[in-house]
């Protein structure tokens, strides 16, 4: 379980997040909705551990993010477009990331590329990837290593119909395995099809559940 308790974030003189309180439980998909600039991405970065809240805390189980560990453990995340090395192939990029995550085999990397629909371009330089292919590669890196928690910011962007259906099915399967999935999307159909609970954000606050 992830518990977000009184989280606020101020950068400079601008308050980005305002007293966020919510709980994310195993076996559920949660949606974050709201206009650009409402705080969705910043909240996700706080949950990942990339940014420290100005106030409040985030508990993963009974341990506190930022005290007991620096980053959310055993998580797959895609926030904004991942940065890949253009001169490397898709597979080599994922191999570099896999080395940071731990013991992830070649077979696991290729399996994730197959799930995300980019296995056919494993040996192609990322500089020659389309926007949709880069998005699929980003999804592959997020799902490597069988994470318990997924934090995905607009993962359906630039995907074609087949790619969207493939990712939806994968996330629903992961939900049934007891995973926690937090998803931000501007696509109402994605939210309706996937999410058990929806948090609506406006100007840094959660309005409704």
Foldseek 3Di string as FASTA:
>chain_A
DKWWAQFWADDDNATQAGGETDDFFWLFEEEEEDDPSLRLLVVLCCQQLVDPTPDTWMDDPNDTDPPPHRGDPQFFEDRPQDDFDQAAFLQVRLVVLVVVNDDFDSVLLLVLLVLQVNNVRRRPGNVPDDPQNSLSSSSSSRCGPPGQEYYYEASCPPHDPVSVVSVQVVLNVSSVVTGTYYYYHPDVVSCVSGGPYYFYGGNNYTDDD
